[in-house]
mmCIF file of all heavy atoms, coordinates in Angstrom:
data_MODEL
# 
_entry.id   MODEL 
# 
loop_
_atom_site.group_PDB 
_atom_site.id 
_atom_site.type_symbol 
_atom_site.label_atom_id 
_atom_site.label_alt_id 
_atom_site.label_comp_id 
_atom_site.label_asym_id 
_atom_site.label_entity_id 
_atom_site.label_seq_id 
_atom_site.pdbx_PDB_ins_code 
_atom_site.Cartn_x 
_atom_site.Cartn_y 
_atom_site.Cartn_z 
_atom_site.occupancy 
_atom_site.B_iso_or_equiv 
_atom_site.pdbx_formal_charge 
_atom_site.auth_seq_id 
_atom_site.auth_comp_id 
_atom_site.auth_asym_id 
_atom_site.auth_atom_id 
_atom_site.pdbx_PDB_model_num 
ATOM 1   N N   . THR A 1 1  ? -6.260  -35.226 -5.434 1.00 0.00 ? 1  THR A N   1 
ATOM 2   C CA  . THR A 1 1  ? -7.215  -36.026 -4.583 1.00 0.00 ? 1  THR A CA  1 
ATOM 3   C C   . THR A 1 1  ? -8.327  -36.433 -5.520 1.00 0.00 ? 1  THR A C   1 
ATOM 4   O O   . THR A 1 1  ? -8.414  -36.045 -6.675 1.00 0.00 ? 1  THR A O   1 
ATOM 5   C CB  . THR A 1 1  ? -7.829  -35.130 -3.432 1.00 0.00 ? 1  THR A CB  1 
ATOM 6   O OG1 . THR A 1 1  ? -8.782  -34.160 -3.960 1.00 0.00 ? 1  THR A OG1 1 
ATOM 7   C CG2 . THR A 1 1  ? -6.678  -34.357 -2.728 1.00 0.00 ? 1  THR A CG2 1 
ATOM 8   N N   . SER A 1 2  ? -9.208  -37.284 -4.963 1.00 0.00 ? 2  SER A N   1 
ATOM 9   C CA  . SER A 1 2  ? -10.380 -37.712 -5.747 1.00 0.00 ? 2  SER A CA  1 
ATOM 10  C C   . SER A 1 2  ? -11.350 -36.532 -6.071 1.00 0.00 ? 2  SER A C   1 
ATOM 11  O O   . SER A 1 2  ? -12.180 -36.668 -6.924 1.00 0.00 ? 2  SER A O   1 
ATOM 12  C CB  . SER A 1 2  ? -11.080 -38.866 -5.031 1.00 0.00 ? 2  SER A CB  1 
ATOM 13  O OG  . SER A 1 2  ? -11.474 -38.396 -3.712 1.00 0.00 ? 2  SER A OG  1 
ATOM 14  N N   . TRP A 1 3  ? -11.174 -35.453 -5.394 1.00 0.00 ? 3  TRP A N   1 
ATOM 15  C CA  . TRP A 1 3  ? -11.989 -34.301 -5.636 1.00 0.00 ? 3  TRP A CA  1 
ATOM 16  C C   . TRP A 1 3  ? -11.252 -33.298 -6.478 1.00 0.00 ? 3  TRP A C   1 
ATOM 17  O O   . TRP A 1 3  ? -11.722 -32.118 -6.639 1.00 0.00 ? 3  TRP A O   1 
ATOM 18  C CB  . TRP A 1 3  ? -12.354 -33.638 -4.283 1.00 0.00 ? 3  TRP A CB  1 
ATOM 19  C CG  . TRP A 1 3  ? -13.325 -34.462 -3.476 1.00 0.00 ? 3  TRP A CG  1 
ATOM 20  C CD1 . TRP A 1 3  ? -13.033 -35.265 -2.400 1.00 0.00 ? 3  TRP A CD1 1 
ATOM 21  C CD2 . TRP A 1 3  ? -14.743 -34.551 -3.649 1.00 0.00 ? 3  TRP A CD2 1 
ATOM 22  N NE1 . TRP A 1 3  ? -14.145 -35.849 -1.932 1.00 0.00 ? 3  TRP A NE1 1 
ATOM 23  C CE2 . TRP A 1 3  ? -15.200 -35.465 -2.677 1.00 0.00 ? 3  TRP A CE2 1 
ATOM 24  C CE3 . TRP A 1 3  ? -15.630 -34.012 -4.558 1.00 0.00 ? 3  TRP A CE3 1 
ATOM 25  C CZ2 . TRP A 1 3  ? -16.577 -35.786 -2.580 1.00 0.00 ? 3  TRP A CZ2 1 
ATOM 26  C CZ3 . TRP A 1 3  ? -16.987 -34.341 -4.426 1.00 0.00 ? 3  TRP A CZ3 1 
ATOM 27  C CH2 . TRP A 1 3  ? -17.419 -35.224 -3.473 1.00 0.00 ? 3  TRP A CH2 1 
ATOM 28  N N   . GLY A 1 4  ? -10.067 -33.664 -7.027 1.00 0.00 ? 4  GLY A N   1 
ATOM 29  C CA  . GLY A 1 4  ? -9.294  -32.732 -7.803 1.00 0.00 ? 4  GLY A CA  1 
ATOM 30  C C   . GLY A 1 4  ? -8.124  -32.141 -7.044 1.00 0.00 ? 4  GLY A C   1 
ATOM 31  O O   . GLY A 1 4  ? -7.798  -32.596 -5.913 1.00 0.00 ? 4  GLY A O   1 
ATOM 32  N N   . PRO A 1 5  ? -7.404  -31.226 -7.647 1.00 0.00 ? 5  PRO A N   1 
ATOM 33  C CA  . PRO A 1 5  ? -6.210  -30.734 -6.963 1.00 0.00 ? 5  PRO A CA  1 
ATOM 34  C C   . PRO A 1 5  ? -6.523  -29.945 -5.730 1.00 0.00 ? 5  PRO A C   1 
ATOM 35  O O   . PRO A 1 5  ? -7.462  -29.178 -5.655 1.00 0.00 ? 5  PRO A O   1 
ATOM 36  C CB  . PRO A 1 5  ? -5.601  -29.770 -8.034 1.00 0.00 ? 5  PRO A CB  1 
ATOM 37  C CG  . PRO A 1 5  ? -6.714  -29.396 -8.931 1.00 0.00 ? 5  PRO A CG  1 
ATOM 38  C CD  . PRO A 1 5  ? -7.617  -30.594 -8.926 1.00 0.00 ? 5  PRO A CD  1 
ATOM 39  N N   . TYR A 1 6  ? -5.731  -30.180 -4.704 1.00 0.00 ? 6  TYR A N   1 
ATOM 40  C CA  . TYR A 1 6  ? -5.850  -29.534 -3.331 1.00 0.00 ? 6  TYR A CA  1 
ATOM 41  C C   . TYR A 1 6  ? -4.573  -28.760 -3.054 1.00 0.00 ? 6  TYR A C   1 
ATOM 42  O O   . TYR A 1 6  ? -3.488  -29.315 -3.091 1.00 0.00 ? 6  TYR A O   1 
ATOM 43  C CB  . TYR A 1 6  ? -6.171  -30.575 -2.271 1.00 0.00 ? 6  TYR A CB  1 
ATOM 44  C CG  . TYR A 1 6  ? -6.317  -30.035 -0.889 1.00 0.00 ? 6  TYR A CG  1 
ATOM 45  C CD1 . TYR A 1 6  ? -7.470  -29.392 -0.526 1.00 0.00 ? 6  TYR A CD1 1 
ATOM 46  C CD2 . TYR A 1 6  ? -5.273  -30.176 -0.004 1.00 0.00 ? 6  TYR A CD2 1 
ATOM 47  C CE1 . TYR A 1 6  ? -7.639  -28.889 0.746  1.00 0.00 ? 6  TYR A CE1 1 
ATOM 48  C CE2 . TYR A 1 6  ? -5.449  -29.708 1.344  1.00 0.00 ? 6  TYR A CE2 1 
ATOM 49  C CZ  . TYR A 1 6  ? -6.642  -29.037 1.687  1.00 0.00 ? 6  TYR A CZ  1 
ATOM 50  O OH  . TYR A 1 6  ? -6.767  -28.535 2.958  1.00 0.00 ? 6  TYR A OH  1 
ATOM 51  N N   . VAL A 1 7  ? -4.748  -27.460 -2.792 1.00 0.00 ? 7  VAL A N   1 
ATOM 52  C CA  . VAL A 1 7  ? -3.632  -26.586 -2.511 1.00 0.00 ? 7  VAL A CA  1 
ATOM 53  C C   . VAL A 1 7  ? -3.054  -26.902 -1.118 1.00 0.00 ? 7  VAL A C   1 
ATOM 54  O O   . VAL A 1 7  ? -3.764  -26.760 -0.134 1.00 0.00 ? 7  VAL A O   1 
ATOM 55  C CB  . VAL A 1 7  ? -3.939  -25.153 -2.668 1.00 0.00 ? 7  VAL A CB  1 
ATOM 56  C CG1 . VAL A 1 7  ? -2.761  -24.267 -2.289 1.00 0.00 ? 7  VAL A CG1 1 
ATOM 57  C CG2 . VAL A 1 7  ? -4.395  -24.801 -4.085 1.00 0.00 ? 7  VAL A CG2 1 
ATOM 58  N N   . ILE A 1 8  ? -1.777  -27.326 -1.054 1.00 0.00 ? 8  ILE A N   1 
ATOM 59  C CA  . ILE A 1 8  ? -1.245  -27.646 0.260  1.00 0.00 ? 8  ILE A CA  1 
ATOM 60  C C   . ILE A 1 8  ? -0.149  -26.605 0.698  1.00 0.00 ? 8  ILE A C   1 
ATOM 61  O O   . ILE A 1 8  ? 0.198   -26.520 1.885  1.00 0.00 ? 8  ILE A O   1 
ATOM 62  C CB  . ILE A 1 8  ? -0.574  -29.010 0.227  1.00 0.00 ? 8  ILE A CB  1 
ATOM 63  C CG1 . ILE A 1 8  ? 0.512   -29.130 -0.840 1.00 0.00 ? 8  ILE A CG1 1 
ATOM 64  C CG2 . ILE A 1 8  ? -1.611  -30.101 0.081  1.00 0.00 ? 8  ILE A CG2 1 
ATOM 65  C CD1 . ILE A 1 8  ? 1.290   -30.407 -0.775 1.00 0.00 ? 8  ILE A CD1 1 
ATOM 66  N N   . SER A 1 9  ? 0.310   -25.768 -0.232 1.00 0.00 ? 9  SER A N   1 
ATOM 67  C CA  . SER A 1 9  ? 1.301   -24.796 0.142  1.00 0.00 ? 9  SER A CA  1 
ATOM 68  C C   . SER A 1 9  ? 1.284   -23.615 -0.808 1.00 0.00 ? 9  SER A C   1 
ATOM 69  O O   . SER A 1 9  ? 1.119   -23.774 -2.024 1.00 0.00 ? 9  SER A O   1 
ATOM 70  C CB  . SER A 1 9  ? 2.691   -25.442 0.103  1.00 0.00 ? 9  SER A CB  1 
ATOM 71  O OG  . SER A 1 9  ? 3.691   -24.482 0.296  1.00 0.00 ? 9  SER A OG  1 
ATOM 72  N N   . ILE A 1 10 ? 1.424   -22.385 -0.285 1.00 0.00 ? 10 ILE A N   1 
ATOM 73  C CA  . ILE A 1 10 ? 1.519   -21.151 -1.032 1.00 0.00 ? 10 ILE A CA  1 
ATOM 74  C C   . ILE A 1 10 ? 2.654   -20.320 -0.421 1.00 0.00 ? 10 ILE A C   1 
ATOM 75  O O   . ILE A 1 10 ? 2.698   -20.198 0.810  1.00 0.00 ? 10 ILE A O   1 
ATOM 76  C CB  . ILE A 1 10 ? 0.234   -20.349 -1.130 1.00 0.00 ? 10 ILE A CB  1 
ATOM 77  C CG1 . ILE A 1 10 ? -0.912  -21.161 -1.713 1.00 0.00 ? 10 ILE A CG1 1 
ATOM 78  C CG2 . ILE A 1 10 ? 0.445   -19.041 -1.877 1.00 0.00 ? 10 ILE A CG2 1 
ATOM 79  C CD1 . ILE A 1 10 ? -2.244  -20.408 -1.696 1.00 0.00 ? 10 ILE A CD1 1 
ATOM 80  N N   . HIS A 1 11 ? 3.490   -19.785 -1.231 1.00 0.00 ? 11 HIS A N   1 
ATOM 81  C CA  . HIS A 1 11 ? 4.622   -18.887 -0.748 1.00 0.00 ? 11 HIS A CA  1 
ATOM 82  C C   . HIS A 1 11 ? 5.453   -19.649 0.286  1.00 0.00 ? 11 HIS A C   1 
ATOM 83  O O   . HIS A 1 11 ? 5.953   -19.047 1.222  1.00 0.00 ? 11 HIS A O   1 
ATOM 84  C CB  . HIS A 1 11 ? 4.045   -17.610 -0.195 1.00 0.00 ? 11 HIS A CB  1 
ATOM 85  C CG  . HIS A 1 11 ? 5.088   -16.507 0.035  1.00 0.00 ? 11 HIS A CG  1 
ATOM 86  N ND1 . HIS A 1 11 ? 5.754   -15.908 -0.931 1.00 0.00 ? 11 HIS A ND1 1 
ATOM 87  C CD2 . HIS A 1 11 ? 5.581   -16.004 1.251  1.00 0.00 ? 11 HIS A CD2 1 
ATOM 88  C CE1 . HIS A 1 11 ? 6.578   -15.018 -0.450 1.00 0.00 ? 11 HIS A CE1 1 
ATOM 89  N NE2 . HIS A 1 11 ? 6.489   -15.054 0.862  1.00 0.00 ? 11 HIS A NE2 1 
ATOM 90  N N   . GLY A 1 12 ? 5.628   -20.976 0.082  1.00 0.00 ? 12 GLY A N   1 
ATOM 91  C CA  . GLY A 1 12 ? 6.383   -21.717 1.003  1.00 0.00 ? 12 GLY A CA  1 
ATOM 92  C C   . GLY A 1 12 ? 5.771   -22.132 2.337  1.00 0.00 ? 12 GLY A C   1 
ATOM 93  O O   . GLY A 1 12 ? 6.339   -22.769 3.175  1.00 0.00 ? 12 GLY A O   1 
ATOM 94  N N   . LEU A 1 13 ? 4.514   -21.636 2.549  1.00 0.00 ? 13 LEU A N   1 
ATOM 95  C CA  . LEU A 1 13 ? 3.878   -21.919 3.850  1.00 0.00 ? 13 LEU A CA  1 
ATOM 96  C C   . LEU A 1 13 ? 2.852   -23.043 3.619  1.00 0.00 ? 13 LEU A C   1 
ATOM 97  O O   . LEU A 1 13 ? 1.924   -22.950 2.859  1.00 0.00 ? 13 LEU A O   1 
ATOM 98  C CB  . LEU A 1 13 ? 3.091   -20.649 4.306  1.00 0.00 ? 13 LEU A CB  1 
ATOM 99  C CG  . LEU A 1 13 ? 2.314   -20.748 5.599  1.00 0.00 ? 13 LEU A CG  1 
ATOM 100 C CD1 . LEU A 1 13 ? 3.258   -21.171 6.811  1.00 0.00 ? 13 LEU A CD1 1 
ATOM 101 C CD2 . LEU A 1 13 ? 1.628   -19.482 5.966  1.00 0.00 ? 13 LEU A CD2 1 
ATOM 102 N N   . ALA A 1 14 ? 3.090   -24.246 4.278  1.00 0.00 ? 14 ALA A N   1 
ATOM 103 C CA  . ALA A 1 14 ? 2.326   -25.420 4.039  1.00 0.00 ? 14 ALA A CA  1 
ATOM 104 C C   . ALA A 1 14 ? 1.233   -25.569 5.066  1.00 0.00 ? 14 ALA A C   1 
ATOM 105 O O   . ALA A 1 14 ? 1.464   -25.303 6.247  1.00 0.00 ? 14 ALA A O   1 
ATOM 106 C CB  . ALA A 1 14 ? 3.269   -26.662 3.988  1.00 0.00 ? 14 ALA A CB  1 
ATOM 107 N N   . ALA A 1 15 ? 0.132   -26.093 4.612  1.00 0.00 ? 15 ALA A N   1 
ATOM 108 C CA  . ALA A 1 15 ? -0.963  -26.437 5.562  1.00 0.00 ? 15 ALA A CA  1 
ATOM 109 C C   . ALA A 1 15 ? -0.519  -27.725 6.342  1.00 0.00 ? 15 ALA A C   1 
ATOM 110 O O   . ALA A 1 15 ? 0.369   -28.466 5.950  1.00 0.00 ? 15 ALA A O   1 
ATOM 111 C CB  . ALA A 1 15 ? -2.187  -26.788 4.738  1.00 0.00 ? 15 ALA A CB  1 
ATOM 112 N N   . SER A 1 16 ? -1.104  -27.829 7.516  1.00 0.00 ? 16 SER A N   1 
ATOM 113 C CA  . SER A 1 16 ? -0.722  -28.924 8.419  1.00 0.00 ? 16 SER A CA  1 
ATOM 114 C C   . SER A 1 16 ? -1.953  -29.431 9.180  1.00 0.00 ? 16 SER A C   1 
ATOM 115 O O   . SER A 1 16 ? -2.641  -28.655 9.796  1.00 0.00 ? 16 SER A O   1 
ATOM 116 C CB  . SER A 1 16 ? 0.315   -28.456 9.420  1.00 0.00 ? 16 SER A CB  1 
ATOM 117 O OG  . SER A 1 16 ? 0.495   -29.379 10.444 1.00 0.00 ? 16 SER A OG  1 
ATOM 118 N N   . THR A 1 17 ? -2.145  -30.763 9.127  1.00 0.00 ? 17 THR A N   1 
ATOM 119 C CA  . THR A 1 17 ? -3.249  -31.342 9.865  1.00 0.00 ? 17 THR A CA  1 
ATOM 120 C C   . THR A 1 17 ? -2.929  -31.323 11.374 1.00 0.00 ? 17 THR A C   1 
ATOM 121 O O   . THR A 1 17 ? -3.847  -31.151 12.228 1.00 0.00 ? 17 THR A O   1 
ATOM 122 C CB  . THR A 1 17 ? -3.505  -32.812 9.452  1.00 0.00 ? 17 THR A CB  1 
ATOM 123 O OG1 . THR A 1 17 ? -2.260  -33.546 9.521  1.00 0.00 ? 17 THR A OG1 1 
ATOM 124 C CG2 . THR A 1 17 ? -4.035  -32.885 8.091  1.00 0.00 ? 17 THR A CG2 1 
ATOM 125 N N   . ASP A 1 18 ? -1.656  -31.341 11.738 1.00 0.00 ? 18 ASP A N   1 
ATOM 126 C CA  . ASP A 1 18 ? -1.270  -31.256 13.124 1.00 0.00 ? 18 ASP A CA  1 
ATOM 127 C C   . ASP A 1 18 ? -1.595  -29.914 13.737 1.00 0.00 ? 18 ASP A C   1 
ATOM 128 O O   . ASP A 1 18 ? -2.075  -29.821 14.869 1.00 0.00 ? 18 ASP A O   1 
ATOM 129 C CB  . ASP A 1 18 ? 0.262   -31.510 13.280 1.00 0.00 ? 18 ASP A CB  1 
ATOM 130 C CG  . ASP A 1 18 ? 0.658   -32.919 13.012 1.00 0.00 ? 18 ASP A CG  1 
ATOM 131 O OD1 . ASP A 1 18 ? -0.223  -33.831 13.013 1.00 0.00 ? 18 ASP A OD1 1 
ATOM 132 O OD2 . ASP A 1 18 ? 1.866   -33.183 12.637 1.00 0.00 ? 18 ASP A OD2 1 
ATOM 133 N N   . ASP A 1 19 ? -1.426  -28.878 12.988 1.00 0.00 ? 19 ASP A N   1 
ATOM 134 C CA  . ASP A 1 19 ? -1.714  -27.468 13.369 1.00 0.00 ? 19 ASP A CA  1 
ATOM 135 C C   . ASP A 1 19 ? -3.098  -27.075 13.021 1.00 0.00 ? 19 ASP A C   1 
ATOM 136 O O   . ASP A 1 19 ? -3.589  -25.962 13.344 1.00 0.00 ? 19 ASP A O   1 
ATOM 137 C CB  . ASP A 1 19 ? -0.729  -26.474 12.819 1.00 0.00 ? 19 ASP A CB  1 
ATOM 138 C CG  . ASP A 1 19 ? 0.693   -26.718 13.220 1.00 0.00 ? 19 ASP A CG  1 
ATOM 139 O OD1 . ASP A 1 19 ? 0.885   -27.243 14.336 1.00 0.00 ? 19 ASP A OD1 1 
ATOM 140 O OD2 . ASP A 1 19 ? 1.604   -26.301 12.438 1.00 0.00 ? 19 ASP A OD2 1 
ATOM 141 N N   . ARG A 1 20 ? -3.818  -27.953 12.274 1.00 0.00 ? 20 ARG A N   1 
ATOM 142 C CA  . ARG A 1 20 ? -5.219  -27.665 11.832 1.00 0.00 ? 20 ARG A CA  1 
ATOM 143 C C   . ARG A 1 20 ? -5.238  -26.419 11.005 1.00 0.00 ? 20 ARG A C   1 
ATOM 144 O O   . ARG A 1 20 ? -6.167  -25.567 11.125 1.00 0.00 ? 20 ARG A O   1 
ATOM 145 C CB  . ARG A 1 20 ? -6.154  -27.577 13.028 1.00 0.00 ? 20 ARG A CB  1 
ATOM 146 C CG  . ARG A 1 20 ? -6.241  -28.848 13.833 1.00 0.00 ? 20 ARG A CG  1 
ATOM 147 C CD  . ARG A 1 20 ? -6.984  -28.628 15.199 1.00 0.00 ? 20 ARG A CD  1 
ATOM 148 N NE  . ARG A 1 20 ? -8.349  -28.223 14.970 1.00 0.00 ? 20 ARG A NE  1 
ATOM 149 C CZ  . ARG A 1 20 ? -9.378  -29.104 14.852 1.00 0.00 ? 20 ARG A CZ  1 
ATOM 150 N NH1 . ARG A 1 20 ? -9.141  -30.371 14.874 1.00 0.00 ? 20 ARG A NH1 1 
ATOM 151 N NH2 . ARG A 1 20 ? -10.600 -28.667 14.715 1.00 0.00 ? 20 ARG A NH2 1 
ATOM 152 N N   . THR A 1 21 ? -4.322  -26.333 10.094 1.00 0.00 ? 21 THR A N   1 
ATOM 153 C CA  . THR A 1 21 ? -4.238  -25.134 9.199  1.00 0.00 ? 21 THR A CA  1 
ATOM 154 C C   . THR A 1 21 ? -4.465  -25.553 7.741  1.00 0.00 ? 21 THR A C   1 
ATOM 155 O O   . THR A 1 21 ? -4.181  -26.708 7.369  1.00 0.00 ? 21 THR A O   1 
ATOM 156 C CB  . THR A 1 21 ? -2.879  -24.464 9.325  1.00 0.00 ? 21 THR A CB  1 
ATOM 157 O OG1 . THR A 1 21 ? -1.794  -25.407 9.029  1.00 0.00 ? 21 THR A OG1 1 
ATOM 158 C CG2 . THR A 1 21 ? -2.704  -23.815 10.639 1.00 0.00 ? 21 THR A CG2 1 
ATOM 159 N N   . TYR A 1 22 ? -4.938  -24.621 6.948  1.00 0.00 ? 22 TYR A N   1 
ATOM 160 C CA  . TYR A 1 22 ? -5.207  -24.888 5.535  1.00 0.00 ? 22 TYR A CA  1 
ATOM 161 C C   . TYR A 1 22 ? -5.306  -23.541 4.792  1.00 0.00 ? 22 TYR A C   1 
ATOM 162 O O   . TYR A 1 22 ? -5.472  -22.541 5.419  1.00 0.00 ? 22 TYR A O   1 
ATOM 163 C CB  . TYR A 1 22 ? -6.524  -25.687 5.392  1.00 0.00 ? 22 TYR A CB  1 
ATOM 164 C CG  . TYR A 1 22 ? -7.798  -24.926 5.603  1.00 0.00 ? 22 TYR A CG  1 
ATOM 165 C CD1 . TYR A 1 22 ? -8.652  -24.508 4.622  1.00 0.00 ? 22 TYR A CD1 1 
ATOM 166 C CD2 . TYR A 1 22 ? -8.166  -24.561 6.954  1.00 0.00 ? 22 TYR A CD2 1 
ATOM 167 C CE1 . TYR A 1 22 ? -9.791  -23.796 4.899  1.00 0.00 ? 22 TYR A CE1 1 
ATOM 168 C CE2 . TYR A 1 22 ? -9.344  -23.827 7.244  1.00 0.00 ? 22 TYR A CE2 1 
ATOM 169 C CZ  . TYR A 1 22 ? -10.130 -23.429 6.183  1.00 0.00 ? 22 TYR A CZ  1 
ATOM 170 O OH  . TYR A 1 22 ? -11.273 -22.727 6.450  1.00 0.00 ? 22 TYR A OH  1 
ATOM 171 N N   . TRP A 1 23 ? -5.235  -23.622 3.470  1.00 0.00 ? 23 TRP A N   1 
ATOM 172 C CA  . TRP A 1 23 ? -5.392  -22.431 2.643  1.00 0.00 ? 23 TRP A CA  1 
ATOM 173 C C   . TRP A 1 23 ? -6.850  -22.323 2.267  1.00 0.00 ? 23 TRP A C   1 
ATOM 174 O O   . TRP A 1 23 ? -7.375  -23.200 1.510  1.00 0.00 ? 23 TRP A O   1 
ATOM 175 C CB  . TRP A 1 23 ? -4.488  -22.480 1.425  1.00 0.00 ? 23 TRP A CB  1 
ATOM 176 C CG  . TRP A 1 23 ? -3.109  -22.107 1.763  1.00 0.00 ? 23 TRP A CG  1 
ATOM 177 C CD1 . TRP A 1 23 ? -2.042  -22.926 2.039  1.00 0.00 ? 23 TRP A CD1 1 
ATOM 178 C CD2 . TRP A 1 23 ? -2.576  -20.775 1.908  1.00 0.00 ? 23 TRP A CD2 1 
ATOM 179 N NE1 . TRP A 1 23 ? -0.931  -22.165 2.317  1.00 0.00 ? 23 TRP A NE1 1 
ATOM 180 C CE2 . TRP A 1 23 ? -1.262  -20.836 2.276  1.00 0.00 ? 23 TRP A CE2 1 
ATOM 181 C CE3 . TRP A 1 23 ? -3.181  -19.523 1.831  1.00 0.00 ? 23 TRP A CE3 1 
ATOM 182 C CZ2 . TRP A 1 23 ? -0.420  -19.726 2.478  1.00 0.00 ? 23 TRP A CZ2 1 
ATOM 183 C CZ3 . TRP A 1 23 ? -2.410  -18.381 2.066  1.00 0.00 ? 23 TRP A CZ3 1 
ATOM 184 C CH2 . TRP A 1 23 ? -1.057  -18.483 2.383  1.00 0.00 ? 23 TRP A CH2 1 
ATOM 185 N N   . GLN A 1 24 ? -7.529  -21.278 2.702  1.00 0.00 ? 24 GLN A N   1 
ATOM 186 C CA  . GLN A 1 24 ? -8.950  -21.055 2.372  1.00 0.00 ? 24 GLN A CA  1 
ATOM 187 C C   . GLN A 1 24 ? -9.059  -19.997 1.212  1.00 0.00 ? 24 GLN A C   1 
ATOM 188 O O   . GLN A 1 24 ? -8.366  -18.995 1.224  1.00 0.00 ? 24 GLN A O   1 
ATOM 189 C CB  . GLN A 1 24 ? -9.707  -20.518 3.598  1.00 0.00 ? 24 GLN A CB  1 
ATOM 190 C CG  . GLN A 1 24 ? -11.189 -20.300 3.308  1.00 0.00 ? 24 GLN A CG  1 
ATOM 191 C CD  . GLN A 1 24 ? -11.933 -19.840 4.582  1.00 0.00 ? 24 GLN A CD  1 
ATOM 192 O OE1 . GLN A 1 24 ? -11.386 -19.054 5.334  1.00 0.00 ? 24 GLN A OE1 1 
ATOM 193 N NE2 . GLN A 1 24 ? -13.177 -20.290 4.732  1.00 0.00 ? 24 GLN A NE2 1 
ATOM 194 N N   . PHE A 1 25 ? -9.906  -20.298 0.265  1.00 0.00 ? 25 PHE A N   1 
ATOM 195 C CA  . PHE A 1 25 ? -10.072 -19.400 -0.881 1.00 0.00 ? 25 PHE A CA  1 
ATOM 196 C C   . PHE A 1 25 ? -11.387 -18.703 -0.802 1.00 0.00 ? 25 PHE A C   1 
ATOM 197 O O   . PHE A 1 25 ? -12.414 -19.324 -0.565 1.00 0.00 ? 25 PHE A O   1 
ATOM 198 C CB  . PHE A 1 25 ? -9.988  -20.175 -2.207 1.00 0.00 ? 25 PHE A CB  1 
ATOM 199 C CG  . PHE A 1 25 ? -8.536  -20.661 -2.484 1.00 0.00 ? 25 PHE A CG  1 
ATOM 200 C CD1 . PHE A 1 25 ? -8.119  -21.876 -1.945 1.00 0.00 ? 25 PHE A CD1 1 
ATOM 201 C CD2 . PHE A 1 25 ? -7.677  -19.896 -3.233 1.00 0.00 ? 25 PHE A CD2 1 
ATOM 202 C CE1 . PHE A 1 25 ? -6.798  -22.285 -2.170 1.00 0.00 ? 25 PHE A CE1 1 
ATOM 203 C CE2 . PHE A 1 25 ? -6.381  -20.335 -3.413 1.00 0.00 ? 25 PHE A CE2 1 
ATOM 204 C CZ  . PHE A 1 25 ? -5.944  -21.523 -2.891 1.00 0.00 ? 25 PHE A CZ  1 
ATOM 205 N N   . LEU A 1 26 ? -11.351 -17.386 -0.927 1.00 0.00 ? 26 LEU A N   1 
ATOM 206 C CA  . LEU A 1 26 ? -12.547 -16.559 -0.743 1.00 0.00 ? 26 LEU A CA  1 
ATOM 207 C C   . LEU A 1 26 ? -12.725 -15.626 -1.952 1.00 0.00 ? 26 LEU A C   1 
ATOM 208 O O   . LEU A 1 26 ? -11.813 -15.268 -2.631 1.00 0.00 ? 26 LEU A O   1 
ATOM 209 C CB  . LEU A 1 26 ? -12.431 -15.685 0.509  1.00 0.00 ? 26 LEU A CB  1 
ATOM 210 C CG  . LEU A 1 26 ? -12.041 -16.392 1.799  1.00 0.00 ? 26 LEU A CG  1 
ATOM 211 C CD1 . LEU A 1 26 ? -11.142 -15.523 2.610  1.00 0.00 ? 26 LEU A CD1 1 
ATOM 212 C CD2 . LEU A 1 26 ? -13.234 -16.762 2.610  1.00 0.00 ? 26 LEU A CD2 1 
ATOM 213 N N   . SER A 1 27 ? -14.039 -15.277 -2.164 1.00 0.00 ? 27 SER A N   1 
ATOM 214 C CA  . SER A 1 27 ? -14.328 -14.237 -3.135 1.00 0.00 ? 27 SER A CA  1 
ATOM 215 C C   . SER A 1 27 ? -15.363 -13.272 -2.480 1.00 0.00 ? 27 SER A C   1 
ATOM 216 O O   . SER A 1 27 ? -16.397 -13.768 -1.992 1.00 0.00 ? 27 SER A O   1 
ATOM 217 C CB  . SER A 1 27 ? -14.959 -14.847 -4.420 1.00 0.00 ? 27 SER A CB  1 
ATOM 218 O OG  . SER A 1 27 ? -15.403 -13.822 -5.312 1.00 0.00 ? 27 SER A OG  1 
ATOM 219 N N   . ALA A 1 28 ? -15.047 -12.044 -2.411 1.00 0.00 ? 28 ALA A N   1 
ATOM 220 C CA  . ALA A 1 28 ? -15.913 -11.055 -1.735 1.00 0.00 ? 28 ALA A CA  1 
ATOM 221 C C   . ALA A 1 28 ? -16.199 -11.488 -0.297 1.00 0.00 ? 28 ALA A C   1 
ATOM 222 O O   . ALA A 1 28 ? -17.301 -11.296 0.219  1.00 0.00 ? 28 ALA A O   1 
ATOM 223 C CB  . ALA A 1 28 ? -17.231 -10.927 -2.506 1.00 0.00 ? 28 ALA A CB  1 
# 
């Protein structure tokens, strides 16, 4: 993307705008 790489899938599980799901990254 224009903001850099965006993770759309991990371990075969893909984010979906229809389901309003995404991979969130956290620290502590």
